[in-house]
Amino acid sequence: MACLCVRVMRHSFSLVALAKVERASPRWLCTSTMQKDGVRSEEKAEKPEQSAAEKVLAEKTQLEEQLKDMTDKYKRALADTENLRTRHRGMIEDAKLYGIQGFCKDLLEVADILEKATESVPKEEVTSQNPHLKNLYDGLVMTEAQIQKVFTKHGLVKLSPDGQMFDPYEHHALFHAPFEGKEPGTVAVVTKVGYKLHERVLRPAAVGVAKAP
C-alpha cells in the first residue's frame, strides 16, 4: 500500500512538471520567433535603403554623363559659330576689296584703247601748227592719266614689267626669244600691260621673255 502511494505521488509530480514545461514553452517559442521576425524586418528595412542609394547613384551618374555631353556639344557649337563668324568677316572684307573686280575688268579695255590711241599719234605731228590733232592728243593723254588716277584710288595698279625677272604669277609669257642686251629669264617685250587689284592679279601682263642665244 505504501509503495502504491509513493508511485502515485511520483506520477503526479511528473505531470505537474510537464505541465509547467508546456506552459513555459510557448512563451520561449514566441520570444524566439519575435527575435527572428525582428531580424528579418531589419534586413527588409536595410534592403530598400540600399536600393534607394543605388538608384540615386545611378541617376547621378546619368546626369553627369548628360552634362558632359551637353557641355561638349556647347563647345562644338561655340567653335562652329566662331569659325562661321570669322569666315563671314573675311567674306565681307573680300567683298569690300574685290566687289568692283568685274567692273574694273571692263574698264581695262577702255584704258588699253586710250593707251593705244596715244601711242599711235606721231609725236612730230603734235605741234601748234596742227592744233586740232594737238588738242585731241592732249585730251587723250589727260583722259588716260585721269583713268589711271581713278584706278590707283581704288587699288588697281598697272603692271608694266619691262626688264624685270619673269614671274609666272604676274606675267603671261607669249614667247621666248634671244634678245641682245637682255638677261635670260627677264621680260624683254611687254605687248599688253597687266593690272593688280589689292595684291590680287586681275590680269597678267602679256610679255616676251628673253632666253640665252
N, C-alpha and C. Protein backbone atom coordinates (compact mmCIF):
# COMPACT_ATOMS: atom_id res chain seq x y z
N MET A 1 0.84 -1.21 0.00
CA MET A 1 0.00 0.00 0.00
C MET A 1 0.86 1.24 0.00
N ALA A 2 1.87 1.20 0.82
CA ALA A 2 2.78 2.37 0.89
C ALA A 2 3.50 2.57 -0.42
N CYS A 3 3.90 1.48 -1.06
CA CYS A 3 4.60 1.60 -2.36
C CYS A 3 3.68 2.19 -3.42
N LEU A 4 2.45 1.83 -3.40
CA LEU A 4 1.49 2.36 -4.37
C LEU A 4 1.31 3.84 -4.20
N CYS A 5 1.26 4.30 -2.95
CA CYS A 5 1.10 5.75 -2.71
C CYS A 5 2.30 6.52 -3.21
N VAL A 6 3.48 5.92 -3.03
CA VAL A 6 4.70 6.61 -3.49
C VAL A 6 4.70 6.75 -5.00
N ARG A 7 4.27 5.68 -5.70
CA ARG A 7 4.22 5.72 -7.17
C ARG A 7 3.23 6.76 -7.67
N VAL A 8 2.09 6.82 -7.00
CA VAL A 8 1.09 7.79 -7.41
C VAL A 8 1.61 9.22 -7.24
N MET A 9 2.30 9.46 -6.17
CA MET A 9 2.83 10.80 -5.91
C MET A 9 3.90 11.18 -6.93
N ARG A 10 4.75 10.18 -7.25
CA ARG A 10 5.79 10.46 -8.26
C ARG A 10 5.15 10.79 -9.61
N HIS A 11 4.13 10.04 -9.98
CA HIS A 11 3.45 10.28 -11.25
C HIS A 11 2.81 11.67 -11.28
N SER A 12 2.26 12.06 -10.12
CA SER A 12 1.62 13.38 -10.02
C SER A 12 2.65 14.49 -10.20
N PHE A 13 3.81 14.28 -9.51
CA PHE A 13 4.88 15.29 -9.66
C PHE A 13 5.35 15.41 -11.10
N SER A 14 5.40 14.28 -11.81
CA SER A 14 5.84 14.29 -13.21
C SER A 14 4.86 15.05 -14.07
N LEU A 15 3.56 14.83 -13.84
CA LEU A 15 2.54 15.53 -14.60
C LEU A 15 2.59 17.03 -14.35
N VAL A 16 2.83 17.40 -13.08
CA VAL A 16 2.90 18.82 -12.74
C VAL A 16 4.10 19.48 -13.43
N ALA A 17 5.25 18.79 -13.42
CA ALA A 17 6.46 19.34 -14.06
C ALA A 17 6.26 19.48 -15.56
N LEU A 18 5.61 18.45 -16.15
CA LEU A 18 5.37 18.51 -17.59
C LEU A 18 4.43 19.65 -17.96
N ALA A 19 3.44 19.89 -17.13
CA ALA A 19 2.51 20.99 -17.39
C ALA A 19 3.22 22.33 -17.30
N LYS A 20 4.13 22.43 -16.32
CA LYS A 20 4.88 23.69 -16.21
C LYS A 20 5.74 23.93 -17.45
N VAL A 21 6.36 22.83 -17.92
CA VAL A 21 7.21 22.96 -19.13
C VAL A 21 6.38 23.36 -20.33
N GLU A 22 5.19 22.73 -20.47
CA GLU A 22 4.33 23.08 -21.61
C GLU A 22 3.85 24.50 -21.54
N ARG A 23 3.56 24.98 -20.30
CA ARG A 23 3.14 26.38 -20.18
C ARG A 23 4.29 27.34 -20.49
N ALA A 24 5.50 26.92 -20.18
CA ALA A 24 6.66 27.79 -20.43
C ALA A 24 7.12 27.75 -21.88
N SER A 25 6.93 26.67 -22.57
CA SER A 25 7.45 26.50 -23.93
C SER A 25 6.86 27.49 -24.93
N PRO A 26 5.57 27.73 -24.98
CA PRO A 26 5.03 28.70 -25.95
C PRO A 26 5.63 30.10 -25.80
N ARG A 27 5.86 30.53 -24.54
CA ARG A 27 6.43 31.87 -24.32
C ARG A 27 7.84 31.95 -24.91
N TRP A 28 8.64 30.89 -24.71
CA TRP A 28 10.01 30.88 -25.25
C TRP A 28 9.99 30.85 -26.77
N LEU A 29 9.05 30.03 -27.30
CA LEU A 29 8.94 29.95 -28.75
C LEU A 29 8.51 31.29 -29.35
N CYS A 30 7.58 31.96 -28.69
CA CYS A 30 7.11 33.27 -29.18
C CYS A 30 8.24 34.28 -29.17
N THR A 31 9.03 34.24 -28.04
CA THR A 31 10.15 35.19 -27.95
C THR A 31 11.16 34.95 -29.06
N SER A 32 11.48 33.68 -29.29
CA SER A 32 12.45 33.35 -30.34
C SER A 32 11.93 33.73 -31.72
N THR A 33 10.64 33.47 -31.92
CA THR A 33 10.04 33.84 -33.22
C THR A 33 10.03 35.33 -33.42
N MET A 34 9.74 36.08 -32.38
CA MET A 34 9.73 37.53 -32.47
C MET A 34 11.11 38.06 -32.77
N GLN A 35 12.14 37.43 -32.16
CA GLN A 35 13.50 37.88 -32.44
C GLN A 35 13.86 37.65 -33.91
N LYS A 36 13.48 36.46 -34.41
CA LYS A 36 13.77 36.16 -35.81
C LYS A 36 13.01 37.12 -36.74
N ASP A 37 11.76 37.37 -36.39
CA ASP A 37 10.98 38.31 -37.21
C ASP A 37 11.58 39.71 -37.19
N GLY A 38 12.13 40.11 -36.04
CA GLY A 38 12.76 41.41 -35.94
C GLY A 38 14.00 41.51 -36.83
N VAL A 39 14.81 40.43 -36.87
CA VAL A 39 16.00 40.42 -37.73
C VAL A 39 15.60 40.51 -39.19
N ARG A 40 14.55 39.73 -39.54
CA ARG A 40 14.08 39.79 -40.93
C ARG A 40 13.56 41.18 -41.29
N SER A 41 12.87 41.80 -40.34
CA SER A 41 12.35 43.14 -40.59
C SER A 41 13.49 44.13 -40.80
N GLU A 42 14.55 43.98 -39.97
CA GLU A 42 15.70 44.87 -40.14
C GLU A 42 16.35 44.67 -41.50
N GLU A 43 16.46 43.35 -41.91
CA GLU A 43 17.05 43.08 -43.21
C GLU A 43 16.19 43.69 -44.32
N LYS A 44 14.85 43.52 -44.18
CA LYS A 44 13.97 44.10 -45.17
C LYS A 44 14.06 45.62 -45.17
N ALA A 45 14.27 46.24 -44.02
CA ALA A 45 14.38 47.68 -43.95
C ALA A 45 15.70 48.17 -44.57
N GLU A 46 16.78 47.34 -44.41
CA GLU A 46 18.06 47.73 -44.98
C GLU A 46 18.05 47.65 -46.50
N LYS A 47 17.36 46.63 -47.04
CA LYS A 47 17.36 46.44 -48.49
C LYS A 47 16.75 47.62 -49.25
N PRO A 48 15.60 48.16 -48.83
CA PRO A 48 15.07 49.34 -49.53
C PRO A 48 16.02 50.53 -49.47
N GLU A 49 16.71 50.72 -48.31
CA GLU A 49 17.64 51.83 -48.20
C GLU A 49 18.79 51.67 -49.18
N GLN A 50 19.31 50.42 -49.25
CA GLN A 50 20.40 50.17 -50.18
C GLN A 50 19.95 50.37 -51.63
N SER A 51 18.79 49.90 -52.01
CA SER A 51 18.30 50.06 -53.37
C SER A 51 18.06 51.54 -53.70
N ALA A 52 17.59 52.33 -52.73
CA ALA A 52 17.38 53.76 -52.96
C ALA A 52 18.72 54.47 -53.18
N ALA A 53 19.75 54.09 -52.42
CA ALA A 53 21.07 54.69 -52.60
C ALA A 53 21.64 54.34 -53.97
N GLU A 54 21.46 53.09 -54.37
CA GLU A 54 21.94 52.69 -55.69
C GLU A 54 21.21 53.45 -56.78
N LYS A 55 19.92 53.67 -56.62
CA LYS A 55 19.13 54.40 -57.60
C LYS A 55 19.61 55.85 -57.72
N VAL A 56 19.87 56.48 -56.56
CA VAL A 56 20.35 57.86 -56.56
C VAL A 56 21.72 57.95 -57.23
N LEU A 57 22.59 56.96 -56.95
CA LEU A 57 23.92 56.94 -57.56
C LEU A 57 23.82 56.78 -59.08
N ALA A 58 22.90 55.92 -59.52
CA ALA A 58 22.72 55.72 -60.96
C ALA A 58 22.20 56.99 -61.63
N GLU A 59 21.24 57.65 -60.98
CA GLU A 59 20.72 58.90 -61.53
C GLU A 59 21.81 59.98 -61.59
N LYS A 60 22.67 60.03 -60.57
CA LYS A 60 23.76 60.99 -60.54
C LYS A 60 24.73 60.74 -61.70
N THR A 61 25.06 59.46 -61.90
CA THR A 61 25.97 59.12 -63.00
C THR A 61 25.36 59.49 -64.34
N GLN A 62 24.07 59.22 -64.51
CA GLN A 62 23.40 59.56 -65.76
C GLN A 62 23.37 61.06 -65.99
N LEU A 63 23.10 61.83 -64.95
CA LEU A 63 23.07 63.28 -65.08
C LEU A 63 24.47 63.83 -65.40
N GLU A 64 25.49 63.25 -64.80
CA GLU A 64 26.86 63.69 -65.10
C GLU A 64 27.21 63.43 -66.55
N GLU A 65 26.80 62.26 -67.07
CA GLU A 65 27.05 61.96 -68.48
C GLU A 65 26.30 62.92 -69.40
N GLN A 66 25.04 63.21 -69.04
CA GLN A 66 24.27 64.15 -69.84
C GLN A 66 24.91 65.55 -69.81
N LEU A 67 25.38 65.97 -68.63
CA LEU A 67 26.03 67.27 -68.52
C LEU A 67 27.31 67.32 -69.35
N LYS A 68 28.08 66.25 -69.32
CA LYS A 68 29.31 66.19 -70.11
C LYS A 68 29.00 66.25 -71.60
N ASP A 69 27.95 65.52 -72.01
CA ASP A 69 27.57 65.52 -73.42
C ASP A 69 27.09 66.90 -73.86
N MET A 70 26.27 67.55 -73.04
CA MET A 70 25.76 68.88 -73.38
C MET A 70 26.90 69.91 -73.40
N THR A 71 27.86 69.79 -72.48
CA THR A 71 29.00 70.70 -72.47
C THR A 71 29.83 70.55 -73.73
N ASP A 72 30.04 69.29 -74.14
CA ASP A 72 30.80 69.04 -75.37
C ASP A 72 30.08 69.61 -76.58
N LYS A 73 28.77 69.41 -76.66
CA LYS A 73 28.00 69.95 -77.78
C LYS A 73 28.03 71.48 -77.78
N TYR A 74 27.97 72.08 -76.59
CA TYR A 74 28.00 73.54 -76.50
C TYR A 74 29.34 74.09 -76.98
N LYS A 75 30.43 73.42 -76.58
CA LYS A 75 31.75 73.88 -77.02
C LYS A 75 31.90 73.75 -78.53
N ARG A 76 31.40 72.65 -79.08
CA ARG A 76 31.48 72.47 -80.54
C ARG A 76 30.65 73.52 -81.27
N ALA A 77 29.45 73.77 -80.76
CA ALA A 77 28.60 74.79 -81.39
C ALA A 77 29.25 76.17 -81.29
N LEU A 78 29.88 76.46 -80.16
CA LEU A 78 30.55 77.74 -79.99
C LEU A 78 31.72 77.89 -80.97
N ALA A 79 32.49 76.79 -81.13
CA ALA A 79 33.61 76.83 -82.08
C ALA A 79 33.11 77.00 -83.51
N ASP A 80 32.04 76.27 -83.87
CA ASP A 80 31.48 76.39 -85.21
C ASP A 80 30.97 77.81 -85.48
N THR A 81 30.34 78.38 -84.46
CA THR A 81 29.82 79.75 -84.61
C THR A 81 30.96 80.75 -84.80
N GLU A 82 32.05 80.56 -84.04
CA GLU A 82 33.19 81.46 -84.16
C GLU A 82 33.85 81.32 -85.53
N ASN A 83 33.97 80.07 -86.01
CA ASN A 83 34.54 79.87 -87.35
C ASN A 83 33.65 80.49 -88.42
N LEU A 84 32.35 80.33 -88.26
CA LEU A 84 31.42 80.93 -89.22
C LEU A 84 31.50 82.44 -89.20
N ARG A 85 31.62 83.02 -88.00
CA ARG A 85 31.73 84.48 -87.89
C ARG A 85 33.02 84.96 -88.54
N THR A 86 34.12 84.23 -88.32
CA THR A 86 35.39 84.62 -88.95
C THR A 86 35.32 84.50 -90.46
N ARG A 87 34.67 83.43 -90.95
CA ARG A 87 34.54 83.24 -92.39
C ARG A 87 33.69 84.35 -93.01
N HIS A 88 32.61 84.69 -92.33
CA HIS A 88 31.75 85.76 -92.85
C HIS A 88 32.47 87.11 -92.83
N ARG A 89 33.27 87.33 -91.78
CA ARG A 89 34.03 88.59 -91.73
C ARG A 89 35.01 88.67 -92.89
N GLY A 90 35.68 87.53 -93.18
CA GLY A 90 36.60 87.52 -94.31
C GLY A 90 35.88 87.73 -95.64
N MET A 91 34.69 87.11 -95.77
CA MET A 91 33.92 87.30 -97.00
C MET A 91 33.49 88.75 -97.17
N ILE A 92 33.13 89.39 -96.06
CA ILE A 92 32.73 90.80 -96.14
C ILE A 92 33.91 91.67 -96.55
N GLU A 93 35.10 91.39 -95.96
CA GLU A 93 36.28 92.17 -96.33
C GLU A 93 36.64 91.96 -97.80
N ASP A 94 36.54 90.70 -98.26
CA ASP A 94 36.82 90.44 -99.68
C ASP A 94 35.82 91.14 -100.58
N ALA A 95 34.56 91.16 -100.15
CA ALA A 95 33.54 91.84 -100.96
C ALA A 95 33.82 93.34 -101.04
N LYS A 96 34.31 93.91 -99.94
CA LYS A 96 34.63 95.34 -99.96
C LYS A 96 35.80 95.62 -100.88
N LEU A 97 36.81 94.73 -100.86
CA LEU A 97 38.01 94.97 -101.65
C LEU A 97 37.84 94.60 -103.11
N TYR A 98 37.18 93.45 -103.35
CA TYR A 98 37.13 92.91 -104.71
C TYR A 98 35.73 92.92 -105.32
N GLY A 99 34.83 93.65 -104.70
CA GLY A 99 33.48 93.73 -105.25
C GLY A 99 33.43 94.44 -106.59
N ILE A 100 34.43 95.30 -106.85
CA ILE A 100 34.48 96.04 -108.12
C ILE A 100 35.36 95.33 -109.15
N GLN A 101 35.70 94.09 -108.88
CA GLN A 101 36.61 93.37 -109.77
C GLN A 101 36.06 93.26 -111.19
N GLY A 102 34.81 92.88 -111.33
CA GLY A 102 34.20 92.75 -112.65
C GLY A 102 34.13 94.09 -113.37
N PHE A 103 33.80 95.14 -112.64
CA PHE A 103 33.72 96.47 -113.24
C PHE A 103 35.09 96.94 -113.71
N CYS A 104 36.12 96.64 -112.91
CA CYS A 104 37.48 97.04 -113.29
C CYS A 104 37.93 96.31 -114.55
N LYS A 105 37.58 95.02 -114.65
CA LYS A 105 37.97 94.27 -115.85
C LYS A 105 37.39 94.90 -117.10
N ASP A 106 36.16 95.37 -117.01
CA ASP A 106 35.54 96.02 -118.17
C ASP A 106 36.23 97.34 -118.51
N LEU A 107 36.68 98.07 -117.49
CA LEU A 107 37.35 99.34 -117.74
C LEU A 107 38.76 99.17 -118.28
N LEU A 108 39.36 97.99 -118.06
CA LEU A 108 40.72 97.79 -118.56
C LEU A 108 40.78 97.89 -120.07
N GLU A 109 39.74 97.42 -120.74
CA GLU A 109 39.72 97.52 -122.20
C GLU A 109 39.69 98.98 -122.65
N VAL A 110 38.97 99.81 -121.90
CA VAL A 110 38.94 101.24 -122.23
C VAL A 110 40.31 101.86 -122.04
N ALA A 111 40.99 101.48 -120.94
CA ALA A 111 42.33 102.00 -120.70
C ALA A 111 43.30 101.55 -121.79
N ASP A 112 43.14 100.30 -122.25
CA ASP A 112 44.02 99.81 -123.32
C ASP A 112 43.81 100.60 -124.61
N ILE A 113 42.57 100.90 -124.93
CA ILE A 113 42.27 101.67 -126.15
C ILE A 113 42.87 103.08 -126.06
N LEU A 114 42.75 103.70 -124.89
CA LEU A 114 43.33 105.03 -124.72
C LEU A 114 44.84 105.00 -124.87
N GLU A 115 45.45 103.96 -124.29
CA GLU A 115 46.91 103.85 -124.39
C GLU A 115 47.35 103.64 -125.83
N LYS A 116 46.64 102.76 -126.56
CA LYS A 116 46.99 102.53 -127.96
C LYS A 116 46.76 103.80 -128.81
N ALA A 117 45.72 104.54 -128.46
CA ALA A 117 45.42 105.76 -129.21
C ALA A 117 46.53 106.80 -129.05
N THR A 118 47.01 106.99 -127.85
CA THR A 118 48.09 107.97 -127.63
C THR A 118 49.40 107.51 -128.25
N GLU A 119 49.65 106.20 -128.23
CA GLU A 119 50.89 105.69 -128.83
C GLU A 119 50.88 105.77 -130.36
N SER A 120 49.69 105.71 -130.95
CA SER A 120 49.61 105.71 -132.42
C SER A 120 49.75 107.11 -133.03
N VAL A 121 49.68 108.15 -132.25
CA VAL A 121 49.79 109.52 -132.77
C VAL A 121 51.27 109.85 -132.97
N PRO A 122 51.69 110.25 -134.15
CA PRO A 122 53.09 110.65 -134.37
C PRO A 122 53.43 111.89 -133.55
N LYS A 123 54.48 111.80 -132.77
CA LYS A 123 54.83 112.91 -131.89
C LYS A 123 55.25 114.16 -132.67
N GLU A 124 55.86 113.94 -133.84
CA GLU A 124 56.29 115.11 -134.61
C GLU A 124 55.13 115.89 -135.20
N GLU A 125 53.95 115.25 -135.26
CA GLU A 125 52.77 115.93 -135.80
C GLU A 125 52.02 116.74 -134.74
N VAL A 126 52.35 116.49 -133.49
CA VAL A 126 51.67 117.18 -132.39
C VAL A 126 52.37 118.51 -132.16
N THR A 127 51.99 119.47 -132.92
CA THR A 127 52.58 120.81 -132.82
C THR A 127 51.47 121.85 -132.86
N SER A 128 51.87 123.07 -132.62
CA SER A 128 50.90 124.17 -132.68
C SER A 128 50.42 124.44 -134.10
N GLN A 129 51.19 123.96 -135.07
CA GLN A 129 50.77 124.14 -136.45
C GLN A 129 49.60 123.21 -136.81
N ASN A 130 49.40 122.20 -136.00
CA ASN A 130 48.28 121.25 -136.20
C ASN A 130 47.45 121.25 -134.91
N PRO A 131 46.73 122.33 -134.66
CA PRO A 131 46.05 122.48 -133.35
C PRO A 131 44.98 121.42 -133.10
N HIS A 132 44.27 121.01 -134.12
CA HIS A 132 43.20 120.01 -133.90
C HIS A 132 43.78 118.68 -133.40
N LEU A 133 44.85 118.24 -134.05
CA LEU A 133 45.49 116.99 -133.60
C LEU A 133 46.11 117.16 -132.22
N LYS A 134 46.69 118.32 -132.00
CA LYS A 134 47.31 118.56 -130.68
C LYS A 134 46.26 118.55 -129.58
N ASN A 135 45.14 119.19 -129.80
CA ASN A 135 44.08 119.21 -128.79
C ASN A 135 43.52 117.79 -128.54
N LEU A 136 43.36 117.04 -129.63
CA LEU A 136 42.86 115.67 -129.48
C LEU A 136 43.85 114.81 -128.71
N TYR A 137 45.12 114.99 -129.04
CA TYR A 137 46.15 114.20 -128.36
C TYR A 137 46.22 114.58 -126.87
N ASP A 138 46.20 115.83 -126.59
CA ASP A 138 46.23 116.28 -125.19
C ASP A 138 45.02 115.77 -124.41
N GLY A 139 43.86 115.75 -125.08
CA GLY A 139 42.66 115.23 -124.41
C GLY A 139 42.77 113.75 -124.10
N LEU A 140 43.36 112.99 -125.04
CA LEU A 140 43.55 111.57 -124.81
C LEU A 140 44.54 111.31 -123.67
N VAL A 141 45.59 112.07 -123.64
CA VAL A 141 46.59 111.92 -122.57
C VAL A 141 45.97 112.25 -121.22
N MET A 142 45.21 113.33 -121.16
CA MET A 142 44.57 113.71 -119.90
C MET A 142 43.55 112.66 -119.46
N THR A 143 42.80 112.11 -120.42
CA THR A 143 41.82 111.07 -120.07
C THR A 143 42.50 109.82 -119.56
N GLU A 144 43.59 109.44 -120.22
CA GLU A 144 44.33 108.25 -119.76
C GLU A 144 44.91 108.47 -118.37
N ALA A 145 45.46 109.65 -118.13
CA ALA A 145 46.02 109.95 -116.81
C ALA A 145 44.92 109.94 -115.73
N GLN A 146 43.75 110.47 -116.08
CA GLN A 146 42.66 110.51 -115.10
C GLN A 146 42.15 109.11 -114.78
N ILE A 147 42.03 108.27 -115.79
CA ILE A 147 41.53 106.91 -115.53
C ILE A 147 42.54 106.11 -114.71
N GLN A 148 43.84 106.33 -114.95
CA GLN A 148 44.85 105.67 -114.13
C GLN A 148 44.82 106.18 -112.68
N LYS A 149 44.50 107.44 -112.52
CA LYS A 149 44.36 108.00 -111.18
C LYS A 149 43.18 107.37 -110.44
N VAL A 150 42.07 107.17 -111.15
CA VAL A 150 40.91 106.52 -110.55
C VAL A 150 41.24 105.06 -110.20
N PHE A 151 41.96 104.39 -111.09
CA PHE A 151 42.37 103.01 -110.83
C PHE A 151 43.20 102.93 -109.54
N THR A 152 44.16 103.83 -109.43
CA THR A 152 45.03 103.83 -108.24
C THR A 152 44.23 104.11 -106.97
N LYS A 153 43.27 104.98 -107.08
CA LYS A 153 42.43 105.32 -105.92
C LYS A 153 41.70 104.10 -105.39
N HIS A 154 41.28 103.21 -106.27
CA HIS A 154 40.53 102.02 -105.87
C HIS A 154 41.40 100.76 -105.78
N GLY A 155 42.72 100.95 -105.76
CA GLY A 155 43.62 99.83 -105.55
C GLY A 155 43.99 99.06 -106.79
N LEU A 156 43.74 99.62 -107.95
CA LEU A 156 44.08 98.95 -109.21
C LEU A 156 45.38 99.54 -109.74
N VAL A 157 46.41 98.68 -109.82
CA VAL A 157 47.76 99.14 -110.17
C VAL A 157 48.18 98.50 -111.48
N LYS A 158 48.84 99.31 -112.32
CA LYS A 158 49.31 98.81 -113.62
C LYS A 158 50.59 97.99 -113.45
N LEU A 159 50.70 96.91 -114.23
CA LEU A 159 51.90 96.07 -114.24
C LEU A 159 52.56 96.21 -115.61
N SER A 160 53.71 96.88 -115.64
CA SER A 160 54.49 97.02 -116.87
C SER A 160 55.90 96.54 -116.56
N PRO A 161 56.13 95.22 -116.62
CA PRO A 161 57.36 94.63 -116.08
C PRO A 161 58.54 94.59 -117.05
N ASP A 162 58.73 95.61 -117.83
CA ASP A 162 59.83 95.61 -118.79
C ASP A 162 61.17 95.58 -118.04
N GLY A 163 62.00 94.58 -118.37
CA GLY A 163 63.30 94.44 -117.73
C GLY A 163 63.28 93.68 -116.42
N GLN A 164 62.13 93.32 -115.89
CA GLN A 164 62.04 92.58 -114.63
C GLN A 164 62.17 91.08 -114.89
N MET A 165 62.46 90.35 -113.81
CA MET A 165 62.50 88.91 -113.93
C MET A 165 61.09 88.37 -114.16
N PHE A 166 61.02 87.33 -114.98
CA PHE A 166 59.72 86.77 -115.31
C PHE A 166 59.09 86.13 -114.07
N ASP A 167 57.83 86.48 -113.80
CA ASP A 167 57.07 85.94 -112.67
C ASP A 167 55.81 85.29 -113.22
N PRO A 168 55.70 83.97 -113.14
CA PRO A 168 54.53 83.31 -113.72
C PRO A 168 53.22 83.67 -113.05
N TYR A 169 53.27 84.23 -111.83
CA TYR A 169 52.05 84.62 -111.14
C TYR A 169 51.54 85.98 -111.61
N GLU A 170 52.42 86.79 -112.21
CA GLU A 170 52.02 88.13 -112.64
C GLU A 170 52.18 88.34 -114.15
N HIS A 171 52.91 87.45 -114.81
CA HIS A 171 53.19 87.63 -116.23
C HIS A 171 52.72 86.41 -117.02
N HIS A 172 52.29 86.69 -118.23
CA HIS A 172 51.89 85.63 -119.16
C HIS A 172 52.85 85.65 -120.35
N ALA A 173 53.68 84.61 -120.44
CA ALA A 173 54.71 84.56 -121.49
C ALA A 173 54.09 84.15 -122.82
N LEU A 174 54.19 85.03 -123.80
CA LEU A 174 53.68 84.73 -125.13
C LEU A 174 54.73 83.99 -125.97
N PHE A 175 56.00 84.31 -125.72
CA PHE A 175 57.08 83.65 -126.47
C PHE A 175 58.39 83.82 -125.72
N HIS A 176 59.37 82.99 -126.07
CA HIS A 176 60.74 83.09 -125.57
C HIS A 176 61.66 83.26 -126.77
N ALA A 177 62.53 84.25 -126.71
CA ALA A 177 63.44 84.51 -127.83
C ALA A 177 64.69 85.19 -127.30
N PRO A 178 65.79 85.01 -127.97
CA PRO A 178 67.03 85.71 -127.56
C PRO A 178 66.96 87.19 -127.91
N PHE A 179 67.35 88.02 -126.97
CA PHE A 179 67.36 89.48 -127.17
C PHE A 179 68.74 89.99 -126.76
N GLU A 180 69.29 90.77 -127.63
CA GLU A 180 70.61 91.31 -127.35
C GLU A 180 70.52 92.34 -126.23
N GLY A 181 71.40 92.20 -125.27
CA GLY A 181 71.42 93.12 -124.14
C GLY A 181 70.42 92.79 -123.05
N LYS A 182 69.67 91.70 -123.21
CA LYS A 182 68.68 91.28 -122.20
C LYS A 182 69.17 90.01 -121.50
N GLU A 183 69.07 90.03 -120.19
CA GLU A 183 69.48 88.86 -119.42
C GLU A 183 68.44 87.75 -119.59
N PRO A 184 68.88 86.52 -119.79
CA PRO A 184 67.92 85.41 -119.93
C PRO A 184 67.02 85.29 -118.70
N GLY A 185 65.75 85.08 -118.96
CA GLY A 185 64.78 84.97 -117.88
C GLY A 185 64.10 86.27 -117.52
N THR A 186 64.48 87.35 -118.17
CA THR A 186 63.85 88.65 -117.90
C THR A 186 62.84 88.98 -118.99
N VAL A 187 61.98 89.94 -118.68
CA VAL A 187 60.96 90.37 -119.62
C VAL A 187 61.60 91.31 -120.63
N ALA A 188 61.55 90.92 -121.91
CA ALA A 188 62.17 91.73 -122.97
C ALA A 188 61.16 92.63 -123.65
N VAL A 189 59.93 92.14 -123.81
CA VAL A 189 58.91 92.91 -124.52
C VAL A 189 57.60 92.79 -123.75
N VAL A 190 56.90 93.93 -123.62
CA VAL A 190 55.57 93.94 -123.00
C VAL A 190 54.57 94.27 -124.10
N THR A 191 53.79 93.29 -124.50
CA THR A 191 52.80 93.51 -125.56
C THR A 191 51.48 94.02 -125.01
N LYS A 192 51.21 93.71 -123.74
CA LYS A 192 49.98 94.18 -123.12
C LYS A 192 50.20 94.28 -121.62
N VAL A 193 49.97 95.45 -121.07
CA VAL A 193 50.21 95.66 -119.64
C VAL A 193 49.19 94.86 -118.82
N GLY A 194 49.60 94.54 -117.62
CA GLY A 194 48.71 93.84 -116.70
C GLY A 194 48.24 94.75 -115.58
N TYR A 195 47.34 94.24 -114.76
CA TYR A 195 46.81 95.02 -113.64
C TYR A 195 46.64 94.12 -112.43
N LYS A 196 46.84 94.75 -111.28
CA LYS A 196 46.70 94.04 -110.00
C LYS A 196 45.74 94.84 -109.12
N LEU A 197 44.76 94.13 -108.52
CA LEU A 197 43.77 94.76 -107.65
C LEU A 197 44.01 94.30 -106.21
N HIS A 198 44.52 95.21 -105.39
CA HIS A 198 44.78 94.91 -103.97
C HIS A 198 45.59 93.62 -103.82
N GLU A 199 46.74 93.58 -104.44
CA GLU A 199 47.66 92.44 -104.38
C GLU A 199 47.11 91.18 -105.03
N ARG A 200 46.00 91.26 -105.71
CA ARG A 200 45.46 90.13 -106.46
C ARG A 200 45.57 90.46 -107.96
N VAL A 201 46.20 89.57 -108.69
CA VAL A 201 46.40 89.81 -110.12
C VAL A 201 45.05 89.73 -110.82
N LEU A 202 44.66 90.86 -111.38
CA LEU A 202 43.40 90.92 -112.11
C LEU A 202 43.59 90.50 -113.56
N ARG A 203 44.73 90.90 -114.12
CA ARG A 203 45.08 90.49 -115.49
C ARG A 203 46.59 90.43 -115.59
N PRO A 204 47.17 89.28 -115.90
CA PRO A 204 48.63 89.22 -116.02
C PRO A 204 49.10 89.98 -117.26
N ALA A 205 50.32 90.48 -117.19
CA ALA A 205 50.89 91.20 -118.32
C ALA A 205 51.35 90.20 -119.39
N ALA A 206 50.99 90.48 -120.61
CA ALA A 206 51.42 89.63 -121.74
C ALA A 206 52.80 90.09 -122.16
N VAL A 207 53.79 89.19 -122.07
CA VAL A 207 55.19 89.58 -122.27
C VAL A 207 55.91 88.55 -123.14
N GLY A 208 57.08 89.01 -123.66
CA GLY A 208 58.04 88.14 -124.31
C GLY A 208 59.26 88.02 -123.45
N VAL A 209 59.72 86.81 -123.23
CA VAL A 209 60.82 86.56 -122.27
C VAL A 209 62.10 86.28 -123.06
N ALA A 210 63.17 86.88 -122.56
CA ALA A 210 64.47 86.68 -123.20
C ALA A 210 65.05 85.34 -122.77
N LYS A 211 65.73 84.69 -123.70
CA LYS A 211 66.39 83.43 -123.40
C LYS A 211 67.82 83.49 -123.91
N ALA A 212 68.64 82.55 -123.51
CA ALA A 212 70.04 82.53 -123.90
C ALA A 212 70.15 82.23 -125.40
N PRO A 213 71.11 82.83 -126.08
CA PRO A 213 71.30 82.56 -127.50
C PRO A 213 71.60 81.07 -127.75
